[in-house]
Amino acid sequence: GERRPSHSTAVPAGALVAAVAAKGEGRNMTSSTPNLEPKFTLVVLVLLAVLMVLIALITVLGNGLVILAFLVNKDLRHRSNYLFLNLAISDFLVGAFCIPLYIPYILTGKWMFGRLLCKLWLVVDYLMCTASAFSIVLISYDRFLSVTKAVTYRNQQGMMSTTVVKMVAVWVFAFLIYGPAILIWDFVAGYSIILDGECNAEFYYNWYFLLCASTFEFFTPCISVAYFNMHIYRDIQKRKRNRLQSTVNVSKQVSVPPTGKNHVGWTHQLGIKKEDSFSHFRALVNPIRCASSSCRQSLKLQRKVNPYPKTHLVNCHYLNSEQQVS
């Protein structure tokens, strides 16, 4: 008799090959742990378990303290600290939810919490890591504005609506990169290549999608953070050079020792009597010896005109020359 084809749902051969290859190689989303045989010895399992538990506790406690400080101290609730709060929330959820579920999975090589919790774990894991990267970019951009556009940045300190919009945008974009693909990939494709006991994203073996997603999740944030910090560094160095140059120029202008008519005009502009000029310069060299009221007044005026202590050396030189003349 003639054999009729079966009407059961068929799985494409390519999917079967990919699944068998993934199973044979023991590939995992975060580690290559086989499902049939334990990969680690008992001592290594204990050490890994203790290490990962400590990492989870440190992550939870550290970021929890940041969140608590923000909630308790109202003085911390300004624009830039909201961005750090956003980063602390994402890292806190990684330590409180993602790492605890990952510990038994990596140690045993088998997912034991069901398919529904697997998808939830994947969504939260990808979302938190991506939101953390985007938050770092946002913090760097905020620092960039505070340095390069200081006046505009200070005027916008009270505008919290813009900061809140940026924080929400971070979470929305972070979810859109991986969230829909994790939730509906197998429904759109009509089949799943993830075997029982595994918890991987359906797109984990699709390098086209991974390349595009990694560009938005990793490469773009990395380049942005590097650009903002390099620009901040260059701007600070430029300001230091300009400030040093202006200081040198002002010092040259006010430190020229007065001679002849210039000295008379200079003392007259400061309101210093001719007979008190010697006491004035003595006050510059040793203010403690300045006893007369006119001498103290001239010292105050001189400090207003020339606040740079290095120029007093020039005046000291003039004092010695005046003593020799007198």
C-alpha atoms as a PDB file:
ATOM      1  CA  GLY A   1       0.000   0.000   0.000  1.00  0.00           C
ATOM      2  CA  GLU A   2       0.866   3.593  -0.557  1.00  0.00           C
ATOM      3  CA  ARG A   3       2.192   5.531   2.518  1.00  0.00           C
ATOM      4  CA  ARG A   4       0.541   8.868   3.085  1.00  0.00           C
ATOM      5  CA  PRO A   5       2.451  11.811   4.554  1.00  0.00           C
ATOM      6  CA  SER A   6       1.764  12.631   8.151  1.00  0.00           C
ATOM      7  CA  HIS A   7      -0.275  15.752   8.947  1.00  0.00           C
ATOM      8  CA  SER A   8       1.539  16.437  12.212  1.00  0.00           C
ATOM      9  CA  THR A   9       3.395  19.735  12.651  1.00  0.00           C
ATOM     10  CA  ALA A  10       6.774  19.497  10.964  1.00  0.00           C
ATOM     11  CA  VAL A  11       9.884  21.197  12.286  1.00  0.00           C
ATOM     12  CA  PRO A  12      12.281  22.518   9.655  1.00  0.00           C
ATOM     13  CA  ALA A  13      15.419  20.483   9.207  1.00  0.00           C
ATOM     14  CA  GLY A  14      17.601  23.524   9.777  1.00  0.00           C
ATOM     15  CA  ALA A  15      16.050  24.036  13.203  1.00  0.00           C
ATOM     16  CA  LEU A  16      16.646  20.408  14.114  1.00  0.00           C
ATOM     17  CA  VAL A  17      20.273  20.611  13.013  1.00  0.00           C
ATOM     18  CA  ALA A  18      20.797  23.799  15.005  1.00  0.00           C
ATOM     19  CA  ALA A  19      19.162  22.271  18.070  1.00  0.00           C
ATOM     20  CA  VAL A  20      21.180  19.076  17.872  1.00  0.00           C
ATOM     21  CA  ALA A  21      24.402  21.028  17.341  1.00  0.00           C
ATOM     22  CA  ALA A  22      23.628  23.293  20.269  1.00  0.00           C
ATOM     23  CA  LYS A  23      22.849  20.284  22.408  1.00  0.00           C
ATOM     24  CA  GLY A  24      25.992  18.439  21.390  1.00  0.00           C
ATOM     25  CA  GLU A  25      28.257  21.420  22.019  1.00  0.00           C
ATOM     26  CA  GLY A  26      26.558  22.196  25.291  1.00  0.00           C
ATOM     27  CA  ARG A  27      26.210  25.887  24.392  1.00  0.00           C
ATOM     28  CA  ASN A  28      24.479  28.191  26.804  1.00  0.00           C
ATOM     29  CA  MET A  29      23.542  31.847  26.929  1.00  0.00           C
ATOM     30  CA  THR A  30      26.157  32.573  29.555  1.00  0.00           C
ATOM     31  CA  SER A  31      28.312  29.470  29.720  1.00  0.00           C
ATOM     32  CA  SER A  32      28.928  26.217  27.899  1.00  0.00           C
ATOM     33  CA  THR A  33      27.559  23.812  30.508  1.00  0.00           C
ATOM     34  CA  PRO A  34      26.428  20.394  29.359  1.00  0.00           C
ATOM     35  CA  ASN A  35      23.096  19.047  30.504  1.00  0.00           C
ATOM     36  CA  LEU A  36      23.924  15.363  30.823  1.00  0.00           C
ATOM     37  CA  GLU A  37      27.049  15.294  32.949  1.00  0.00           C
ATOM     38  CA  PRO A  38      28.141  17.703  35.687  1.00  0.00           C
ATOM     39  CA  LYS A  39      31.030  19.839  34.532  1.00  0.00           C
ATOM     40  CA  PHE A  40      32.375  20.897  37.920  1.00  0.00           C
ATOM     41  CA  THR A  41      33.667  18.921  40.849  1.00  0.00           C
ATOM     42  CA  LEU A  42      32.103  19.313  44.268  1.00  0.00           C
ATOM     43  CA  VAL A  43      34.832  21.671  45.501  1.00  0.00           C
ATOM     44  CA  VAL A  44      34.505  23.887  42.433  1.00  0.00           C
ATOM     45  CA  LEU A  45      30.723  23.899  42.763  1.00  0.00           C
ATOM     46  CA  VAL A  46      30.946  25.067  46.367  1.00  0.00           C
ATOM     47  CA  LEU A  47      33.466  27.772  45.536  1.00  0.00           C
ATOM     48  CA  LEU A  48      31.411  29.038  42.600  1.00  0.00           C
ATOM     49  CA  ALA A  49      28.237  29.009  44.660  1.00  0.00           C
ATOM     50  CA  VAL A  50      29.851  31.013  47.489  1.00  0.00           C
ATOM     51  CA  LEU A  51      31.414  33.468  45.058  1.00  0.00           C
ATOM     52  CA  MET A  52      28.193  34.121  43.153  1.00  0.00           C
ATOM     53  CA  VAL A  53      26.186  34.465  46.359  1.00  0.00           C
ATOM     54  CA  LEU A  54      28.693  37.063  47.603  1.00  0.00           C
ATOM     55  CA  ILE A  55      28.469  38.949  44.312  1.00  0.00           C
ATOM     56  CA  ALA A  56      24.678  38.970  44.545  1.00  0.00           C
ATOM     57  CA  LEU A  57      24.750  40.196  48.173  1.00  0.00           C
ATOM     58  CA  ILE A  58      27.270  42.953  47.455  1.00  0.00           C
ATOM     59  CA  THR A  59      25.271  44.078  44.418  1.00  0.00           C
ATOM     60  CA  VAL A  60      22.011  44.163  46.367  1.00  0.00           C
ATOM     61  CA  LEU A  61      23.435  45.863  49.475  1.00  0.00           C
ATOM     62  CA  GLY A  62      25.499  48.443  47.606  1.00  0.00           C
ATOM     63  CA  ASN A  63      22.774  49.574  45.251  1.00  0.00           C
ATOM     64  CA  GLY A  64      20.160  49.250  47.982  1.00  0.00           C
ATOM     65  CA  LEU A  65      22.091  51.754  50.097  1.00  0.00           C
ATOM     66  CA  VAL A  66      22.204  54.169  47.167  1.00  0.00           C
ATOM     67  CA  ILE A  67      18.438  53.903  46.699  1.00  0.00           C
ATOM     68  CA  LEU A  68      17.811  54.248  50.431  1.00  0.00           C
ATOM     69  CA  ALA A  69      20.035  57.322  50.712  1.00  0.00           C
ATOM     70  CA  PHE A  70      18.179  58.935  47.832  1.00  0.00           C
ATOM     71  CA  LEU A  71      14.800  58.269  49.465  1.00  0.00           C
ATOM     72  CA  VAL A  72      15.827  59.406  52.956  1.00  0.00           C
ATOM     73  CA  ASN A  73      17.962  62.471  52.179  1.00  0.00           C
ATOM     74  CA  LYS A  74      16.037  65.097  50.230  1.00  0.00           C
ATOM     75  CA  ASP A  75      19.202  67.095  49.581  1.00  0.00           C
ATOM     76  CA  LEU A  76      20.331  64.362  47.190  1.00  0.00           C
ATOM     77  CA  ARG A  77      17.302  64.741  44.960  1.00  0.00           C
ATOM     78  CA  HIS A  78      18.728  66.885  42.230  1.00  0.00           C
ATOM     79  CA  ARG A  79      19.147  66.382  38.535  1.00  0.00           C
ATOM     80  CA  SER A  80      22.352  64.361  38.250  1.00  0.00           C
ATOM     81  CA  ASN A  81      21.561  62.092  41.201  1.00  0.00           C
ATOM     82  CA  TYR A  82      18.335  60.942  39.553  1.00  0.00           C
ATOM     83  CA  LEU A  83      20.469  59.408  36.830  1.00  0.00           C
ATOM     84  CA  PHE A  84      22.548  57.563  39.422  1.00  0.00           C
ATOM     85  CA  LEU A  85      19.289  56.348  40.967  1.00  0.00           C
ATOM     86  CA  ASN A  86      18.286  54.961  37.594  1.00  0.00           C
ATOM     87  CA  LEU A  87      21.571  53.054  37.372  1.00  0.00           C
ATOM     88  CA  ALA A  88      21.241  51.786  40.953  1.00  0.00           C
ATOM     89  CA  ILE A  89      17.746  50.421  40.302  1.00  0.00           C
ATOM     90  CA  SER A  90      18.851  48.398  37.288  1.00  0.00           C
ATOM     91  CA  ASP A  91      21.893  46.969  39.077  1.00  0.00           C
ATOM     92  CA  PHE A  92      19.828  46.224  42.182  1.00  0.00           C
ATOM     93  CA  LEU A  93      17.382  44.111  40.167  1.00  0.00           C
ATOM     94  CA  VAL A  94      20.265  42.235  38.566  1.00  0.00           C
ATOM     95  CA  GLY A  95      21.542  41.235  41.991  1.00  0.00           C
ATOM     96  CA  ALA A  96      18.116  40.583  43.491  1.00  0.00           C
ATOM     97  CA  PHE A  97      16.451  38.649  40.651  1.00  0.00           C
ATOM     98  CA  CYS A  98      18.782  37.692  37.810  1.00  0.00           C
ATOM     99  CA  ILE A  99      21.811  36.335  39.658  1.00  0.00           C
ATOM    100  CA  PRO A 100      19.846  34.164  42.159  1.00  0.00           C
ATOM    101  CA  LEU A 101      18.092  32.344  39.305  1.00  0.00           C
ATOM    102  CA  TYR A 102      21.304  32.026  37.349  1.00  0.00           C
ATOM    103  CA  ILE A 103      23.238  30.349  40.195  1.00  0.00           C
ATOM    104  CA  PRO A 104      21.438  26.947  40.121  1.00  0.00           C
ATOM    105  CA  TYR A 105      21.278  27.055  36.331  1.00  0.00           C
ATOM    106  CA  ILE A 106      25.023  27.454  35.858  1.00  0.00           C
ATOM    107  CA  LEU A 107      25.913  24.991  38.599  1.00  0.00           C
ATOM    108  CA  THR A 108      23.603  22.178  37.485  1.00  0.00           C
ATOM    109  CA  GLY A 109      23.503  22.951  33.762  1.00  0.00           C
ATOM    110  CA  LYS A 110      19.723  22.566  33.753  1.00  0.00           C
ATOM    111  CA  TRP A 111      16.846  25.046  34.008  1.00  0.00           C
ATOM    112  CA  MET A 112      14.386  23.818  36.611  1.00  0.00           C
ATOM    113  CA  PHE A 113      11.886  26.687  36.886  1.00  0.00           C
ATOM    114  CA  GLY A 114       9.662  26.227  33.839  1.00  0.00           C
ATOM    115  CA  ARG A 115       9.343  27.904  30.492  1.00  0.00           C
ATOM    116  CA  LEU A 116       7.288  30.886  31.669  1.00  0.00           C
ATOM    117  CA  LEU A 117       9.769  31.900  34.372  1.00  0.00           C
ATOM    118  CA  CYS A 118      12.561  31.324  31.869  1.00  0.00           C
ATOM    119  CA  LYS A 119      11.165  33.979  29.530  1.00  0.00           C
ATOM    120  CA  LEU A 120      10.572  36.364  32.413  1.00  0.00           C
ATOM    121  CA  TRP A 121      14.137  35.861  33.603  1.00  0.00           C
ATOM    122  CA  LEU A 122      15.518  36.459  30.110  1.00  0.00           C
ATOM    123  CA  VAL A 123      13.477  39.645  29.645  1.00  0.00           C
ATOM    124  CA  VAL A 124      14.538  41.056  33.014  1.00  0.00           C
ATOM    125  CA  ASP A 125      18.176  40.036  32.528  1.00  0.00           C
ATOM    126  CA  TYR A 126      18.527  41.609  29.089  1.00  0.00           C
ATOM    127  CA  LEU A 127      16.484  44.650  30.121  1.00  0.00           C
ATOM    128  CA  MET A 128      18.488  45.414  33.260  1.00  0.00           C
ATOM    129  CA  CYS A 129      21.873  44.996  31.597  1.00  0.00           C
ATOM    130  CA  THR A 130      20.889  47.184  28.650  1.00  0.00           C
ATOM    131  CA  ALA A 131      19.297  49.825  30.897  1.00  0.00           C
ATOM    132  CA  SER A 132      22.465  49.879  33.003  1.00  0.00           C
ATOM    133  CA  ALA A 133      24.590  50.561  29.907  1.00  0.00           C
ATOM    134  CA  PHE A 134      22.227  53.294  28.716  1.00  0.00           C
ATOM    135  CA  SER A 135      22.203  54.888  32.179  1.00  0.00           C
ATOM    136  CA  ILE A 136      25.991  55.143  32.115  1.00  0.00           C
ATOM    137  CA  VAL A 137      25.734  56.906  28.755  1.00  0.00           C
ATOM    138  CA  LEU A 138      23.150  59.291  30.181  1.00  0.00           C
ATOM    139  CA  ILE A 139      25.359  60.082  33.184  1.00  0.00           C
ATOM    140  CA  SER A 140      28.316  60.778  30.909  1.00  0.00           C
ATOM    141  CA  TYR A 141      26.171  63.022  28.740  1.00  0.00           C
ATOM    142  CA  ASP A 142      24.973  64.918  31.812  1.00  0.00           C
ATOM    143  CA  ARG A 143      28.590  65.493  32.907  1.00  0.00           C
ATOM    144  CA  PHE A 144      29.407  66.563  29.363  1.00  0.00           C
ATOM    145  CA  LEU A 145      26.711  69.266  29.460  1.00  0.00           C
ATOM    146  CA  SER A 146      27.736  70.463  32.929  1.00  0.00           C
ATOM    147  CA  VAL A 147      31.299  71.082  31.729  1.00  0.00           C
ATOM    148  CA  THR A 148      30.839  72.321  28.172  1.00  0.00           C
ATOM    149  CA  LYS A 149      27.586  74.281  28.708  1.00  0.00           C
ATOM    150  CA  ALA A 150      27.790  75.212  32.351  1.00  0.00           C
ATOM    151  CA  VAL A 151      25.514  78.265  32.253  1.00  0.00           C
ATOM    152  CA  THR A 152      22.698  76.512  30.408  1.00  0.00           C
ATOM    153  CA  TYR A 153      23.090  73.452  32.606  1.00  0.00           C
ATOM    154  CA  ARG A 154      22.726  75.478  35.815  1.00  0.00           C
ATOM    155  CA  ASN A 155      19.651  77.261  34.495  1.00  0.00           C
ATOM    156  CA  GLN A 156      18.024  73.894  33.803  1.00  0.00           C
ATOM    157  CA  GLN A 157      18.779  72.357  37.197  1.00  0.00           C
ATOM    158  CA  GLY A 158      15.187  72.775  38.354  1.00  0.00           C
ATOM    159  CA  MET A 159      13.656  71.237  35.204  1.00  0.00           C
ATOM    160  CA  MET A 160      13.091  67.685  36.462  1.00  0.00           C
ATOM    161  CA  SER A 161      10.633  66.850  33.703  1.00  0.00           C
ATOM    162  CA  THR A 162      13.439  66.573  31.149  1.00  0.00           C
ATOM    163  CA  THR A 163      15.399  64.250  33.430  1.00  0.00           C
ATOM    164  CA  VAL A 164      12.378  62.030  34.045  1.00  0.00           C
ATOM    165  CA  VAL A 165      11.717  61.786  30.312  1.00  0.00           C
ATOM    166  CA  LYS A 166      15.308  60.683  29.728  1.00  0.00           C
ATOM    167  CA  MET A 167      15.058  58.062  32.471  1.00  0.00           C
ATOM    168  CA  VAL A 168      11.861  56.630  31.020  1.00  0.00           C
ATOM    169  CA  ALA A 169      13.368  56.646  27.535  1.00  0.00           C
ATOM    170  CA  VAL A 170      16.270  54.543  28.803  1.00  0.00           C
ATOM    171  CA  TRP A 171      13.932  51.790  29.980  1.00  0.00           C
ATOM    172  CA  VAL A 172      11.747  51.926  26.876  1.00  0.00           C
ATOM    173  CA  PHE A 173      14.650  51.663  24.432  1.00  0.00           C
ATOM    174  CA  ALA A 174      16.318  48.969  26.528  1.00  0.00           C
ATOM    175  CA  PHE A 175      13.153  46.869  26.410  1.00  0.00           C
ATOM    176  CA  LEU A 176      12.569  47.366  22.688  1.00  0.00           C
ATOM    177  CA  ILE A 177      15.994  45.987  21.770  1.00  0.00           C
ATOM    178  CA  TYR A 178      15.500  42.503  23.254  1.00  0.00           C
ATOM    179  CA  GLY A 179      12.093  42.289  24.946  1.00  0.00           C
ATOM    180  CA  PRO A 180       9.794  41.677  21.949  1.00  0.00           C
ATOM    181  CA  ALA A 181      12.262  39.233  20.389  1.00  0.00           C
ATOM    182  CA  ILE A 182      12.414  37.160  23.579  1.00  0.00           C
ATOM    183  CA  LEU A 183       8.649  37.068  23.999  1.00  0.00           C
ATOM    184  CA  ILE A 184       7.367  36.412  20.466  1.00  0.00           C
ATOM    185  CA  TRP A 185      10.276  34.984  18.457  1.00  0.00           C
ATOM    186  CA  ASP A 186       9.066  31.366  18.693  1.00  0.00           C
ATOM    187  CA  PHE A 187       5.465  32.380  17.955  1.00  0.00           C
ATOM    188  CA  VAL A 188       6.457  34.253  14.798  1.00  0.00           C
ATOM    189  CA  ALA A 189       8.798  31.488  13.640  1.00  0.00           C
ATOM    190  CA  GLY A 190       6.254  28.791  14.482  1.00  0.00           C
ATOM    191  CA  TYR A 191       8.751  26.606  16.339  1.00  0.00           C
ATOM    192  CA  SER A 192      11.344  26.699  19.090  1.00  0.00           C
ATOM    193  CA  ILE A 193      14.927  25.489  18.919  1.00  0.00           C
ATOM    194  CA  ILE A 194      15.420  25.597  22.698  1.00  0.00           C
ATOM    195  CA  LEU A 195      15.441  22.102  24.187  1.00  0.00           C
ATOM    196  CA  ASP A 196      13.962  21.057  27.519  1.00  0.00           C
ATOM    197  CA  GLY A 197      16.143  21.953  30.451  1.00  0.00           C
ATOM    198  CA  GLU A 198      17.666  24.963  28.682  1.00  0.00           C
ATOM    199  CA  CYS A 199      16.846  28.633  29.075  1.00  0.00           C
ATOM    200  CA  ASN A 200      18.216  30.573  26.136  1.00  0.00           C
ATOM    201  CA  ALA A 201      16.805  33.273  23.926  1.00  0.00           C
ATOM    202  CA  GLU A 202      15.506  32.010  20.573  1.00  0.00           C
ATOM    203  CA  PHE A 203      17.763  34.460  18.742  1.00  0.00           C
ATOM    204  CA  TYR A 204      20.912  33.338  20.526  1.00  0.00           C
ATOM    205  CA  TYR A 205      22.169  31.450  17.455  1.00  0.00           C
ATOM    206  CA  ASN A 206      21.048  34.102  14.940  1.00  0.00           C
ATOM    207  CA  TRP A 207      24.151  36.211  14.424  1.00  0.00           C
ATOM    208  CA  TYR A 208      22.321  38.738  12.192  1.00  0.00           C
ATOM    209  CA  PHE A 209      20.103  39.770  15.059  1.00  0.00           C
ATOM    210  CA  LEU A 210      22.920  39.612  17.609  1.00  0.00           C
ATOM    211  CA  LEU A 211      25.111  41.873  15.500  1.00  0.00           C
ATOM    212  CA  CYS A 212      22.394  44.515  15.137  1.00  0.00           C
ATOM    213  CA  ALA A 213      21.379  44.328  18.797  1.00  0.00           C
ATOM    214  CA  SER A 214      24.969  44.436  20.023  1.00  0.00           C
ATOM    215  CA  THR A 215      25.566  47.556  17.965  1.00  0.00           C
ATOM    216  CA  PHE A 216      22.851  49.410  19.888  1.00  0.00           C
ATOM    217  CA  GLU A 217      23.481  47.770  23.246  1.00  0.00           C
ATOM    218  CA  PHE A 218      27.283  47.725  23.457  1.00  0.00           C
ATOM    219  CA  PHE A 219      29.204  49.449  20.678  1.00  0.00           C
ATOM    220  CA  THR A 220      27.144  52.645  20.543  1.00  0.00           C
ATOM    221  CA  PRO A 221      27.171  53.197  24.346  1.00  0.00           C
ATOM    222  CA  CYS A 222      30.889  52.400  24.491  1.00  0.00           C
ATOM    223  CA  ILE A 223      31.775  54.903  21.774  1.00  0.00           C
ATOM    224  CA  SER A 224      29.451  57.544  23.284  1.00  0.00           C
ATOM    225  CA  VAL A 225      30.916  57.264  26.772  1.00  0.00           C
ATOM    226  CA  ALA A 226      34.452  57.447  25.376  1.00  0.00           C
ATOM    227  CA  TYR A 227      33.592  60.541  23.317  1.00  0.00           C
ATOM    228  CA  PHE A 228      31.928  62.394  26.205  1.00  0.00           C
ATOM    229  CA  ASN A 229      34.743  61.698  28.670  1.00  0.00           C
ATOM    230  CA  MET A 230      37.492  62.578  26.211  1.00  0.00           C
ATOM    231  CA  HIS A 231      35.714  65.832  25.366  1.00  0.00           C
ATOM    232  CA  ILE A 232      35.349  66.623  29.091  1.00  0.00           C
ATOM    233  CA  TYR A 233      39.051  65.971  29.662  1.00  0.00           C
ATOM    234  CA  ARG A 234      40.094  68.167  26.741  1.00  0.00           C
ATOM    235  CA  ASP A 235      37.791  70.985  27.851  1.00  0.00           C
ATOM    236  CA  ILE A 236      39.171  70.927  31.405  1.00  0.00           C
ATOM    237  CA  GLN A 237      42.765  70.956  30.143  1.00  0.00           C
ATOM    238  CA  LYS A 238      41.945  73.872  27.844  1.00  0.00           C
ATOM    239  CA  ARG A 239      40.454  75.836  30.724  1.00  0.00           C
ATOM    240  CA  LYS A 240      43.529  75.204  32.857  1.00  0.00           C
ATOM    241  CA  ARG A 241      45.819  76.499  30.107  1.00  0.00           C
ATOM    242  CA  ASN A 242      43.664  79.592  29.570  1.00  0.00           C
ATOM    243  CA  ARG A 243      43.516  80.322  33.296  1.00  0.00           C
ATOM    244  CA  LEU A 244      47.267  79.944  33.661  1.00  0.00           C
ATOM    245  CA  GLN A 245      47.898  82.198  30.678  1.00  0.00           C
ATOM    246  CA  SER A 246      45.551  84.890  32.000  1.00  0.00           C
ATOM    247  CA  THR A 247      47.219  84.720  35.407  1.00  0.00           C
ATOM    248  CA  VAL A 248      50.642  85.204  33.839  1.00  0.00           C
ATOM    249  CA  ASN A 249      49.406  88.158  31.769  1.00  0.00           C
ATOM    250  CA  VAL A 250      47.805  89.894  34.744  1.00  0.00           C
ATOM    251  CA  SER A 251      50.887  89.265  36.832  1.00  0.00           C
ATOM    252  CA  LYS A 252      53.096  90.892  34.194  1.00  0.00           C
ATOM    253  CA  GLN A 253      50.824  93.919  33.988  1.00  0.00           C
ATOM    254  CA  VAL A 254      50.639  94.677  37.710  1.00  0.00           C
ATOM    255  CA  SER A 255      54.112  93.605  38.815  1.00  0.00           C
ATOM    256  CA  VAL A 256      56.197  96.191  36.890  1.00  0.00           C
ATOM    257  CA  PRO A 257      58.003  98.292  39.536  1.00  0.00           C
ATOM    258  CA  PRO A 258      57.026 101.967  39.349  1.00  0.00           C
ATOM    259  CA  THR A 259      59.821 104.460  38.691  1.00  0.00           C
ATOM    260  CA  GLY A 260      59.968 108.237  38.456  1.00  0.00           C
ATOM    261  CA  LYS A 261      56.743 109.891  37.339  1.00  0.00           C
ATOM    262  CA  ASN A 262      55.033 106.542  36.998  1.00  0.00           C
ATOM    263  CA  HIS A 263      55.627 105.928  40.685  1.00  0.00           C
ATOM    264  CA  VAL A 264      54.122 109.320  41.630  1.00  0.00           C
ATOM    265  CA  GLY A 265      51.069 108.739  39.451  1.00  0.00           C
ATOM    266  CA  TRP A 266      50.653 105.205  40.734  1.00  0.00           C
ATOM    267  CA  THR A 267      50.759 106.246  44.387  1.00  0.00           C
ATOM    268  CA  HIS A 268      48.405 109.138  43.640  1.00  0.00           C
ATOM    269  CA  GLN A 269      45.837 106.785  42.067  1.00  0.00           C
ATOM    270  CA  LEU A 270      45.923 104.604  45.166  1.00  0.00           C
ATOM    271  CA  GLY A 271      45.515 107.629  47.440  1.00  0.00           C
ATOM    272  CA  ILE A 272      48.984 107.201  48.957  1.00  0.00           C
ATOM    273  CA  LYS A 273      50.927 110.207  50.164  1.00  0.00           C
ATOM    274  CA  LYS A 274      54.439 110.660  48.873  1.00  0.00           C
ATOM    275  CA  GLU A 275      55.946 110.439  52.337  1.00  0.00           C
ATOM    276  CA  ASP A 276      54.020 107.175  53.011  1.00  0.00           C
ATOM    277  CA  SER A 277      55.174 105.390  49.868  1.00  0.00           C
ATOM    278  CA  PHE A 278      58.111 103.794  51.652  1.00  0.00           C
ATOM    279  CA  SER A 279      55.816 102.576  54.436  1.00  0.00           C
ATOM    280  CA  HIS A 280      53.454 101.220  51.796  1.00  0.00           C
ATOM    281  CA  PHE A 281      56.118  99.005  50.239  1.00  0.00           C
ATOM    282  CA  ARG A 282      57.360  97.972  53.660  1.00  0.00           C
ATOM    283  CA  ALA A 283      53.803  96.826  54.405  1.00  0.00           C
ATOM    284  CA  LEU A 284      53.889  94.629  51.322  1.00  0.00           C
ATOM    285  CA  VAL A 285      57.052  92.923  52.519  1.00  0.00           C
ATOM    286  CA  ASN A 286      56.143  92.696  56.209  1.00  0.00           C
ATOM    287  CA  PRO A 287      52.514  93.655  56.957  1.00  0.00           C
ATOM    288  CA  ILE A 288      53.056  93.213  60.706  1.00  0.00           C
ATOM    289  CA  ARG A 289      55.267  96.334  60.768  1.00  0.00           C
ATOM    290  CA  CYS A 290      52.494  98.380  59.162  1.00  0.00           C
ATOM    291  CA  ALA A 291      51.288 100.492  62.086  1.00  0.00           C
ATOM    292  CA  SER A 292      49.991 103.753  60.601  1.00  0.00           C
ATOM    293  CA  SER A 293      46.420 104.014  59.303  1.00  0.00           C
ATOM    294  CA  SER A 294      47.576 105.343  55.926  1.00  0.00           C
ATOM    295  CA  CYS A 295      49.940 102.404  55.588  1.00  0.00           C
ATOM    296  CA  ARG A 296      47.178  99.916  56.319  1.00  0.00           C
ATOM    297  CA  GLN A 297      44.893 101.675  53.875  1.00  0.00           C
ATOM    298  CA  SER A 298      47.529 101.564  51.159  1.00  0.00           C
ATOM    299  CA  LEU A 299      48.059  97.867  51.829  1.00  0.00           C
ATOM    300  CA  LYS A 300      44.366  97.152  51.319  1.00  0.00           C
ATOM    301  CA  LEU A 301      44.307  99.165  48.115  1.00  0.00           C
ATOM    302  CA  GLN A 302      47.404  97.422  46.826  1.00  0.00           C
ATOM    303  CA  ARG A 303      45.898  94.023  47.535  1.00  0.00           C
ATOM    304  CA  LYS A 304      42.845  94.976  45.509  1.00  0.00           C
ATOM    305  CA  VAL A 305      44.963  95.998  42.562  1.00  0.00           C
ATOM    306  CA  ASN A 306      47.525  93.215  42.878  1.00  0.00           C
ATOM    307  CA  PRO A 307      46.212  90.109  44.679  1.00  0.00           C
ATOM    308  CA  TYR A 308      49.079  87.912  43.452  1.00  0.00           C
ATOM    309  CA  PRO A 309      51.714  87.333  46.161  1.00  0.00           C
ATOM    310  CA  LYS A 310      54.519  86.702  43.650  1.00  0.00           C
ATOM    311  CA  THR A 311      54.487  90.358  42.558  1.00  0.00           C
ATOM    312  CA  HIS A 312      55.482  91.413  46.071  1.00  0.00           C
ATOM    313  CA  LEU A 313      58.976  90.241  45.238  1.00  0.00           C
ATOM    314  CA  VAL A 314      59.217  92.971  42.626  1.00  0.00           C
ATOM    315  CA  ASN A 315      57.964  95.546  45.129  1.00  0.00           C
ATOM    316  CA  CYS A 316      60.518  94.235  47.601  1.00  0.00           C
ATOM    317  CA  HIS A 317      63.223  94.877  45.041  1.00  0.00           C
ATOM    318  CA  TYR A 318      61.910  98.410  44.593  1.00  0.00           C
ATOM    319  CA  LEU A 319      61.936  98.832  48.371  1.00  0.00           C
ATOM    320  CA  ASN A 320      65.625  97.979  48.555  1.00  0.00           C
ATOM    321  CA  SER A 321      66.459 100.392  45.735  1.00  0.00           C
ATOM    322  CA  GLU A 322      64.450 103.164  47.431  1.00  0.00           C
ATOM    323  CA  GLN A 323      66.278 102.560  50.696  1.00  0.00           C
ATOM    324  CA  GLN A 324      69.606 102.952  48.915  1.00  0.00           C
ATOM    325  CA  VAL A 325      68.511 106.195  47.272  1.00  0.00           C
ATOM    326  CA  SER A 326      67.227 107.604  50.573  1.00  0.00           C
END
